[in-house]
Amino acid sequence: MAPEMKAQILVCEDQPATSDLISEVLQDEGCEIQVVESLAKARKSLTRALPDLMILDRNLPDGEGLELLKELRTDPRTSKIPVLVLTGQNAVTDKVAGLREGADDYITKPFHTEELVARVETLLRRVGTLEEPAMQEAGELKLDRGSRKAFVKNKEVPLSAKEFDLLWFLMHRRNRVMTRDFLLQHVWGYEQGLDLSTKVIDVTLSHLREKIGPTADKIVSVRGFGYRFDD
């Protein structure tokens, strides 16, 4: 199990169905959620207290979310707040526009809740709000983050750098489906929105499964979406 996030998150979203879903999912992960429905209310909230992370919709009743994002990035008081942008626009140009204005990440509506949790978790870890454990264990498989070594039945198994990174990433988010694009972005460091082949994931996983033996069955392919590491 991943640790509870225990973070304060400001959600700026005017659609109750979306904000209720975000609140429910992230509260289950240990987060404290405040929801505002407009840019004006978001600005007012930010004058009172700064959140650990902000989830910001682009289309709001009183303006474009990127307007507020630009303000956040030019104000020293708020410039370091991680911002996850919500958008119903899937075009690369729209996503690039958000990233250029200072978004740390984005997610397209409708989204899978597992992906939302993983993206929030990654941003919180990036700014030090959430710490990763030193070890990951599943049955006979153990990963040591400090030495970057893998063990099966207490015997070291040689993994390449990317094999270790991919396995650690999946194990740390076990029981959650990770999309191929998300893995490319956070394991391989590719920029989101680029049209890149995901074959590199398949090749890495094939080699990884051969090396970790019976535990390989815990890495499940979710057709049309991505991969999951099951407990």
C-alpha atoms as a PDB file:
ATOM      1  CA  MET A   1       0.000   0.000   0.000  1.00  0.00           C
ATOM      2  CA  ALA A   2       1.150   3.539  -0.781  1.00  0.00           C
ATOM      3  CA  PRO A   3       1.329   5.812   2.273  1.00  0.00           C
ATOM      4  CA  GLU A   4      -1.479   8.288   2.981  1.00  0.00           C
ATOM      5  CA  MET A   5      -0.799  11.588   1.289  1.00  0.00           C
ATOM      6  CA  LYS A   6      -1.965  13.797   4.189  1.00  0.00           C
ATOM      7  CA  ALA A   7      -1.919  16.930   2.050  1.00  0.00           C
ATOM      8  CA  GLN A   8      -4.142  20.003   1.826  1.00  0.00           C
ATOM      9  CA  ILE A   9      -5.493  20.336  -1.702  1.00  0.00           C
ATOM     10  CA  LEU A  10      -7.448  23.225  -3.199  1.00  0.00           C
ATOM     11  CA  VAL A  11      -9.798  22.131  -5.998  1.00  0.00           C
ATOM     12  CA  CYS A  12     -11.067  24.871  -8.320  1.00  0.00           C
ATOM     13  CA  GLU A  13     -13.856  23.208 -10.313  1.00  0.00           C
ATOM     14  CA  ASP A  14     -17.423  24.398 -10.978  1.00  0.00           C
ATOM     15  CA  GLN A  15     -18.952  21.045 -11.953  1.00  0.00           C
ATOM     16  CA  PRO A  16     -20.221  19.313  -8.774  1.00  0.00           C
ATOM     17  CA  ALA A  17     -20.000  15.823 -10.280  1.00  0.00           C
ATOM     18  CA  THR A  18     -16.289  16.327 -10.989  1.00  0.00           C
ATOM     19  CA  SER A  19     -15.404  18.100  -7.740  1.00  0.00           C
ATOM     20  CA  ASP A  20     -17.341  15.526  -5.677  1.00  0.00           C
ATOM     21  CA  LEU A  21     -15.478  12.681  -7.382  1.00  0.00           C
ATOM     22  CA  ILE A  22     -12.091  14.335  -6.822  1.00  0.00           C
ATOM     23  CA  SER A  23     -12.923  15.035  -3.182  1.00  0.00           C
ATOM     24  CA  GLU A  24     -14.106  11.500  -2.483  1.00  0.00           C
ATOM     25  CA  VAL A  25     -11.124   9.839  -4.137  1.00  0.00           C
ATOM     26  CA  LEU A  26      -8.451  12.050  -2.563  1.00  0.00           C
ATOM     27  CA  GLN A  27     -10.065  12.092   0.887  1.00  0.00           C
ATOM     28  CA  ASP A  28      -9.866   8.297   0.813  1.00  0.00           C
ATOM     29  CA  GLU A  29      -6.120   8.753   0.282  1.00  0.00           C
ATOM     30  CA  GLY A  30      -5.820  10.918   3.397  1.00  0.00           C
ATOM     31  CA  CYS A  31      -6.013  14.379   1.806  1.00  0.00           C
ATOM     32  CA  GLU A  32      -7.882  17.392   3.162  1.00  0.00           C
ATOM     33  CA  ILE A  33      -9.899  18.933   0.313  1.00  0.00           C
ATOM     34  CA  GLN A  34     -11.320  22.423  -0.157  1.00  0.00           C
ATOM     35  CA  VAL A  35     -13.508  23.025  -3.205  1.00  0.00           C
ATOM     36  CA  VAL A  36     -14.133  26.435  -4.785  1.00  0.00           C
ATOM     37  CA  GLU A  37     -16.243  27.040  -7.877  1.00  0.00           C
ATOM     38  CA  SER A  38     -14.672  30.159  -9.373  1.00  0.00           C
ATOM     39  CA  LEU A  39     -11.428  32.058  -9.883  1.00  0.00           C
ATOM     40  CA  ALA A  40     -12.603  34.739  -7.451  1.00  0.00           C
ATOM     41  CA  LYS A  41     -13.160  32.198  -4.675  1.00  0.00           C
ATOM     42  CA  ALA A  42      -9.820  30.561  -5.429  1.00  0.00           C
ATOM     43  CA  ARG A  43      -8.020  33.901  -5.100  1.00  0.00           C
ATOM     44  CA  LYS A  44      -9.791  34.565  -1.801  1.00  0.00           C
ATOM     45  CA  SER A  45      -8.833  31.135  -0.466  1.00  0.00           C
ATOM     46  CA  LEU A  46      -5.205  31.637  -1.449  1.00  0.00           C
ATOM     47  CA  THR A  47      -5.016  34.879   0.532  1.00  0.00           C
ATOM     48  CA  ARG A  48      -5.985  32.974   3.694  1.00  0.00           C
ATOM     49  CA  ALA A  49      -3.816  29.859   3.367  1.00  0.00           C
ATOM     50  CA  LEU A  50      -1.622  28.127   0.812  1.00  0.00           C
ATOM     51  CA  PRO A  51      -2.438  24.533  -0.160  1.00  0.00           C
ATOM     52  CA  ASP A  52       0.113  21.781  -0.706  1.00  0.00           C
ATOM     53  CA  LEU A  53      -1.310  21.352  -4.209  1.00  0.00           C
ATOM     54  CA  MET A  54      -3.979  22.916  -6.413  1.00  0.00           C
ATOM     55  CA  ILE A  55      -6.227  21.194  -8.950  1.00  0.00           C
ATOM     56  CA  LEU A  56      -7.397  23.846 -11.411  1.00  0.00           C
ATOM     57  CA  ASP A  57     -10.056  23.544 -14.093  1.00  0.00           C
ATOM     58  CA  ARG A  58      -9.457  25.548 -17.262  1.00  0.00           C
ATOM     59  CA  ASN A  59     -13.076  26.536 -17.929  1.00  0.00           C
ATOM     60  CA  LEU A  60     -14.654  28.411 -15.014  1.00  0.00           C
ATOM     61  CA  PRO A  61     -17.683  30.730 -14.776  1.00  0.00           C
ATOM     62  CA  ASP A  62     -15.608  33.879 -14.301  1.00  0.00           C
ATOM     63  CA  GLY A  63     -12.722  33.156 -16.646  1.00  0.00           C
ATOM     64  CA  GLU A  64      -9.987  30.876 -17.947  1.00  0.00           C
ATOM     65  CA  GLY A  65      -8.087  28.861 -15.345  1.00  0.00           C
ATOM     66  CA  LEU A  66      -4.779  29.645 -17.017  1.00  0.00           C
ATOM     67  CA  GLU A  67      -5.276  33.307 -16.039  1.00  0.00           C
ATOM     68  CA  LEU A  68      -5.056  32.322 -12.388  1.00  0.00           C
ATOM     69  CA  LEU A  69      -2.155  29.986 -13.109  1.00  0.00           C
ATOM     70  CA  LYS A  70      -0.197  32.868 -14.624  1.00  0.00           C
ATOM     71  CA  GLU A  71      -0.888  34.960 -11.500  1.00  0.00           C
ATOM     72  CA  LEU A  72       0.308  32.150  -9.244  1.00  0.00           C
ATOM     73  CA  ARG A  73       3.573  31.780 -11.106  1.00  0.00           C
ATOM     74  CA  THR A  74       4.385  35.521 -11.009  1.00  0.00           C
ATOM     75  CA  ASP A  75       3.686  35.897  -7.273  1.00  0.00           C
ATOM     76  CA  PRO A  76       6.627  34.750  -5.095  1.00  0.00           C
ATOM     77  CA  ARG A  77       4.175  33.723  -2.370  1.00  0.00           C
ATOM     78  CA  THR A  78       2.371  31.200  -4.612  1.00  0.00           C
ATOM     79  CA  SER A  79       4.914  30.457  -7.330  1.00  0.00           C
ATOM     80  CA  LYS A  80       5.968  27.091  -5.857  1.00  0.00           C
ATOM     81  CA  ILE A  81       2.479  25.599  -5.416  1.00  0.00           C
ATOM     82  CA  PRO A  82       2.181  22.480  -7.623  1.00  0.00           C
ATOM     83  CA  VAL A  83      -0.755  22.872 -10.018  1.00  0.00           C
ATOM     84  CA  LEU A  84      -2.554  20.029 -11.782  1.00  0.00           C
ATOM     85  CA  VAL A  85      -4.700  21.411 -14.592  1.00  0.00           C
ATOM     86  CA  LEU A  86      -8.026  19.796 -15.476  1.00  0.00           C
ATOM     87  CA  THR A  87      -9.107  20.118 -19.082  1.00  0.00           C
ATOM     88  CA  GLY A  88     -11.743  18.734 -21.385  1.00  0.00           C
ATOM     89  CA  GLN A  89      -9.528  19.620 -24.323  1.00  0.00           C
ATOM     90  CA  ASN A  90      -7.362  16.777 -25.567  1.00  0.00           C
ATOM     91  CA  ALA A  91      -5.449  18.618 -28.307  1.00  0.00           C
ATOM     92  CA  VAL A  92      -1.682  18.769 -27.829  1.00  0.00           C
ATOM     93  CA  THR A  93      -1.699  22.548 -28.414  1.00  0.00           C
ATOM     94  CA  ASP A  94      -4.098  23.084 -25.489  1.00  0.00           C
ATOM     95  CA  LYS A  95      -1.974  20.943 -23.185  1.00  0.00           C
ATOM     96  CA  VAL A  96       1.238  22.650 -24.240  1.00  0.00           C
ATOM     97  CA  ALA A  97      -0.375  26.038 -23.545  1.00  0.00           C
ATOM     98  CA  GLY A  98      -1.056  24.985 -19.956  1.00  0.00           C
ATOM     99  CA  LEU A  99       2.447  23.654 -19.433  1.00  0.00           C
ATOM    100  CA  ARG A 100       3.945  26.861 -20.805  1.00  0.00           C
ATOM    101  CA  GLU A 101       1.906  28.930 -18.371  1.00  0.00           C
ATOM    102  CA  GLY A 102       3.435  26.937 -15.528  1.00  0.00           C
ATOM    103  CA  ALA A 103       1.224  23.887 -14.991  1.00  0.00           C
ATOM    104  CA  ASP A 104       3.136  21.056 -13.339  1.00  0.00           C
ATOM    105  CA  ASP A 105       0.891  18.426 -14.900  1.00  0.00           C
ATOM    106  CA  TYR A 106      -2.525  18.048 -16.465  1.00  0.00           C
ATOM    107  CA  ILE A 107      -5.260  15.472 -16.736  1.00  0.00           C
ATOM    108  CA  THR A 108      -8.000  15.280 -19.353  1.00  0.00           C
ATOM    109  CA  LYS A 109     -11.662  14.841 -18.394  1.00  0.00           C
ATOM    110  CA  PRO A 110     -13.131  12.301 -18.107  1.00  0.00           C
ATOM    111  CA  PHE A 111     -10.288  10.672 -16.186  1.00  0.00           C
ATOM    112  CA  HIS A 112      -9.666   7.413 -14.376  1.00  0.00           C
ATOM    113  CA  THR A 113      -9.480   7.866 -10.615  1.00  0.00           C
ATOM    114  CA  GLU A 114      -6.325   5.728 -10.430  1.00  0.00           C
ATOM    115  CA  GLU A 115      -4.567   8.127 -12.776  1.00  0.00           C
ATOM    116  CA  LEU A 116      -5.725  11.147 -10.759  1.00  0.00           C
ATOM    117  CA  VAL A 117      -4.328   9.650  -7.545  1.00  0.00           C
ATOM    118  CA  ALA A 118      -1.039   8.749  -9.215  1.00  0.00           C
ATOM    119  CA  ARG A 119      -0.559  12.224 -10.696  1.00  0.00           C
ATOM    120  CA  VAL A 120      -1.341  13.944  -7.390  1.00  0.00           C
ATOM    121  CA  GLU A 121       0.954  11.538  -5.548  1.00  0.00           C
ATOM    122  CA  THR A 122       3.785  12.230  -7.999  1.00  0.00           C
ATOM    123  CA  LEU A 123       3.464  16.010  -7.668  1.00  0.00           C
ATOM    124  CA  LEU A 124       3.403  15.838  -3.866  1.00  0.00           C
ATOM    125  CA  ARG A 125       6.487  13.663  -3.861  1.00  0.00           C
ATOM    126  CA  ARG A 126       8.259  16.078  -6.198  1.00  0.00           C
ATOM    127  CA  VAL A 127       7.896  18.921  -3.690  1.00  0.00           C
ATOM    128  CA  GLY A 128       8.702  16.737  -0.692  1.00  0.00           C
ATOM    129  CA  THR A 129       5.215  16.537   0.821  1.00  0.00           C
ATOM    130  CA  LEU A 130       5.133  12.781   0.380  1.00  0.00           C
ATOM    131  CA  GLU A 131       8.131  10.563   1.057  1.00  0.00           C
ATOM    132  CA  GLU A 132       8.756   7.232  -0.628  1.00  0.00           C
ATOM    133  CA  PRO A 133       9.540   4.176   1.504  1.00  0.00           C
ATOM    134  CA  ALA A 134      13.038   2.710   1.505  1.00  0.00           C
ATOM    135  CA  MET A 135      11.806  -0.772   0.542  1.00  0.00           C
ATOM    136  CA  GLN A 136       9.079  -2.368  -1.545  1.00  0.00           C
ATOM    137  CA  GLU A 137       8.055  -5.978  -0.893  1.00  0.00           C
ATOM    138  CA  ALA A 138       5.622  -8.363  -2.556  1.00  0.00           C
ATOM    139  CA  GLY A 139       5.867 -12.034  -1.678  1.00  0.00           C
ATOM    140  CA  GLU A 140       9.388 -13.227  -2.505  1.00  0.00           C
ATOM    141  CA  LEU A 141      10.268  -9.973  -4.322  1.00  0.00           C
ATOM    142  CA  LYS A 142      12.061  -7.122  -2.554  1.00  0.00           C
ATOM    143  CA  LEU A 143      13.324  -3.796  -3.904  1.00  0.00           C
ATOM    144  CA  ASP A 144      15.827  -1.640  -2.027  1.00  0.00           C
ATOM    145  CA  ARG A 145      15.572   1.989  -3.132  1.00  0.00           C
ATOM    146  CA  GLY A 146      18.840   3.062  -1.511  1.00  0.00           C
ATOM    147  CA  SER A 147      21.047   0.462  -3.213  1.00  0.00           C
ATOM    148  CA  ARG A 148      18.712   0.139  -6.226  1.00  0.00           C
ATOM    149  CA  LYS A 149      18.904  -3.633  -5.926  1.00  0.00           C
ATOM    150  CA  ALA A 150      16.209  -6.257  -6.457  1.00  0.00           C
ATOM    151  CA  PHE A 151      15.986  -9.603  -4.662  1.00  0.00           C
ATOM    152  CA  VAL A 152      13.918 -12.730  -5.306  1.00  0.00           C
ATOM    153  CA  LYS A 153      14.028 -15.313  -2.501  1.00  0.00           C
ATOM    154  CA  ASN A 154      16.792 -13.151  -0.960  1.00  0.00           C
ATOM    155  CA  LYS A 155      18.950 -13.635  -4.063  1.00  0.00           C
ATOM    156  CA  GLU A 156      19.944 -10.507  -5.975  1.00  0.00           C
ATOM    157  CA  VAL A 157      18.462 -10.170  -9.448  1.00  0.00           C
ATOM    158  CA  PRO A 158      20.333  -7.825 -11.804  1.00  0.00           C
ATOM    159  CA  LEU A 159      17.973  -5.199 -13.238  1.00  0.00           C
ATOM    160  CA  SER A 160      18.749  -2.390 -15.634  1.00  0.00           C
ATOM    161  CA  ALA A 161      18.104   1.178 -14.433  1.00  0.00           C
ATOM    162  CA  LYS A 162      14.806   1.430 -16.316  1.00  0.00           C
ATOM    163  CA  GLU A 163      13.687  -2.045 -15.255  1.00  0.00           C
ATOM    164  CA  PHE A 164      14.210  -1.062 -11.618  1.00  0.00           C
ATOM    165  CA  ASP A 165      12.480   2.314 -12.081  1.00  0.00           C
ATOM    166  CA  LEU A 166       9.473   0.752 -13.813  1.00  0.00           C
ATOM    167  CA  LEU A 167       9.081  -2.015 -11.224  1.00  0.00           C
ATOM    168  CA  TRP A 168       9.433   0.416  -8.322  1.00  0.00           C
ATOM    169  CA  PHE A 169       6.907   2.785  -9.892  1.00  0.00           C
ATOM    170  CA  LEU A 170       4.322   0.027 -10.363  1.00  0.00           C
ATOM    171  CA  MET A 171       4.884  -1.515  -6.925  1.00  0.00           C
ATOM    172  CA  HIS A 172       4.638   1.814  -5.149  1.00  0.00           C
ATOM    173  CA  ARG A 173       1.263   2.373  -6.821  1.00  0.00           C
ATOM    174  CA  ARG A 174       0.124  -1.231  -6.514  1.00  0.00           C
ATOM    175  CA  ASN A 175      -3.487  -2.118  -7.286  1.00  0.00           C
ATOM    176  CA  ARG A 176      -3.789   1.034  -9.414  1.00  0.00           C
ATOM    177  CA  VAL A 177      -3.792   0.994 -13.186  1.00  0.00           C
ATOM    178  CA  MET A 178      -1.040   3.146 -14.726  1.00  0.00           C
ATOM    179  CA  THR A 179      -1.566   4.338 -18.294  1.00  0.00           C
ATOM    180  CA  ARG A 180       1.153   3.852 -20.876  1.00  0.00           C
ATOM    181  CA  ASP A 181       1.458   7.616 -21.376  1.00  0.00           C
ATOM    182  CA  PHE A 182       1.838   8.120 -17.634  1.00  0.00           C
ATOM    183  CA  LEU A 183       4.614   5.520 -17.471  1.00  0.00           C
ATOM    184  CA  LEU A 184       6.419   7.105 -20.409  1.00  0.00           C
ATOM    185  CA  GLN A 185       6.255  10.471 -18.710  1.00  0.00           C
ATOM    186  CA  HIS A 186       7.279   9.498 -15.193  1.00  0.00           C
ATOM    187  CA  VAL A 187       9.598   6.526 -15.749  1.00  0.00           C
ATOM    188  CA  TRP A 188      11.222   7.515 -19.032  1.00  0.00           C
ATOM    189  CA  GLY A 189      10.892  11.282 -18.620  1.00  0.00           C
ATOM    190  CA  TYR A 190       9.157  11.883 -21.935  1.00  0.00           C
ATOM    191  CA  GLU A 191       7.117  15.068 -22.229  1.00  0.00           C
ATOM    192  CA  GLN A 192       3.393  14.522 -21.965  1.00  0.00           C
ATOM    193  CA  GLY A 193       1.388  14.989 -25.137  1.00  0.00           C
ATOM    194  CA  LEU A 194       4.096  13.823 -27.509  1.00  0.00           C
ATOM    195  CA  ASP A 195       3.174  11.099 -29.983  1.00  0.00           C
ATOM    196  CA  LEU A 196       5.611   8.418 -28.903  1.00  0.00           C
ATOM    197  CA  SER A 197       5.650   4.666 -29.304  1.00  0.00           C
ATOM    198  CA  THR A 198       4.905   2.709 -26.142  1.00  0.00           C
ATOM    199  CA  LYS A 199       6.810  -0.340 -27.403  1.00  0.00           C
ATOM    200  CA  VAL A 200       9.678   0.543 -25.075  1.00  0.00           C
ATOM    201  CA  ILE A 201       7.388  -0.281 -22.133  1.00  0.00           C
ATOM    202  CA  ASP A 202       6.499  -3.694 -23.577  1.00  0.00           C
ATOM    203  CA  VAL A 203      10.153  -4.557 -24.195  1.00  0.00           C
ATOM    204  CA  THR A 204      11.222  -3.456 -20.700  1.00  0.00           C
ATOM    205  CA  LEU A 205       8.386  -5.378 -19.072  1.00  0.00           C
ATOM    206  CA  SER A 206       9.188  -8.506 -21.080  1.00  0.00           C
ATOM    207  CA  HIS A 207      12.769  -8.495 -19.822  1.00  0.00           C
ATOM    208  CA  LEU A 208      11.619  -7.655 -16.300  1.00  0.00           C
ATOM    209  CA  ARG A 209       9.135 -10.526 -16.155  1.00  0.00           C
ATOM    210  CA  GLU A 210      11.815 -13.004 -17.215  1.00  0.00           C
ATOM    211  CA  LYS A 211      14.059 -11.864 -14.376  1.00  0.00           C
ATOM    212  CA  ILE A 212      11.637 -11.821 -11.447  1.00  0.00           C
ATOM    213  CA  GLY A 213      10.143 -15.260 -12.005  1.00  0.00           C
ATOM    214  CA  PRO A 214       6.773 -16.202 -10.437  1.00  0.00           C
ATOM    215  CA  THR A 215       6.257 -12.668  -9.109  1.00  0.00           C
ATOM    216  CA  ALA A 216       5.879 -11.558 -12.723  1.00  0.00           C
ATOM    217  CA  ASP A 217       2.247 -12.705 -12.525  1.00  0.00           C
ATOM    218  CA  LYS A 218       1.565  -9.723 -10.284  1.00  0.00           C
ATOM    219  CA  ILE A 219       2.213  -7.355 -13.215  1.00  0.00           C
ATOM    220  CA  VAL A 220      -1.133  -7.302 -15.000  1.00  0.00           C
ATOM    221  CA  SER A 221      -1.780  -5.865 -18.451  1.00  0.00           C
ATOM    222  CA  VAL A 222      -5.065  -3.928 -18.602  1.00  0.00           C
ATOM    223  CA  ARG A 223      -6.071  -4.019 -22.239  1.00  0.00           C
ATOM    224  CA  GLY A 224      -6.433  -0.629 -23.877  1.00  0.00           C
ATOM    225  CA  PHE A 225      -5.223   1.238 -20.811  1.00  0.00           C
ATOM    226  CA  GLY A 226      -1.949   0.217 -19.198  1.00  0.00           C
ATOM    227  CA  TYR A 227      -0.514  -1.908 -16.388  1.00  0.00           C
ATOM    228  CA  ARG A 228      -1.163  -2.688 -12.733  1.00  0.00           C
ATOM    229  CA  PHE A 229       0.877  -4.390  -9.998  1.00  0.00           C
ATOM    230  CA  ASP A 230      -1.470  -6.543  -7.909  1.00  0.00           C
ATOM    231  CA  ASP A 231      -0.960  -7.452  -4.266  1.00  0.00           C
END
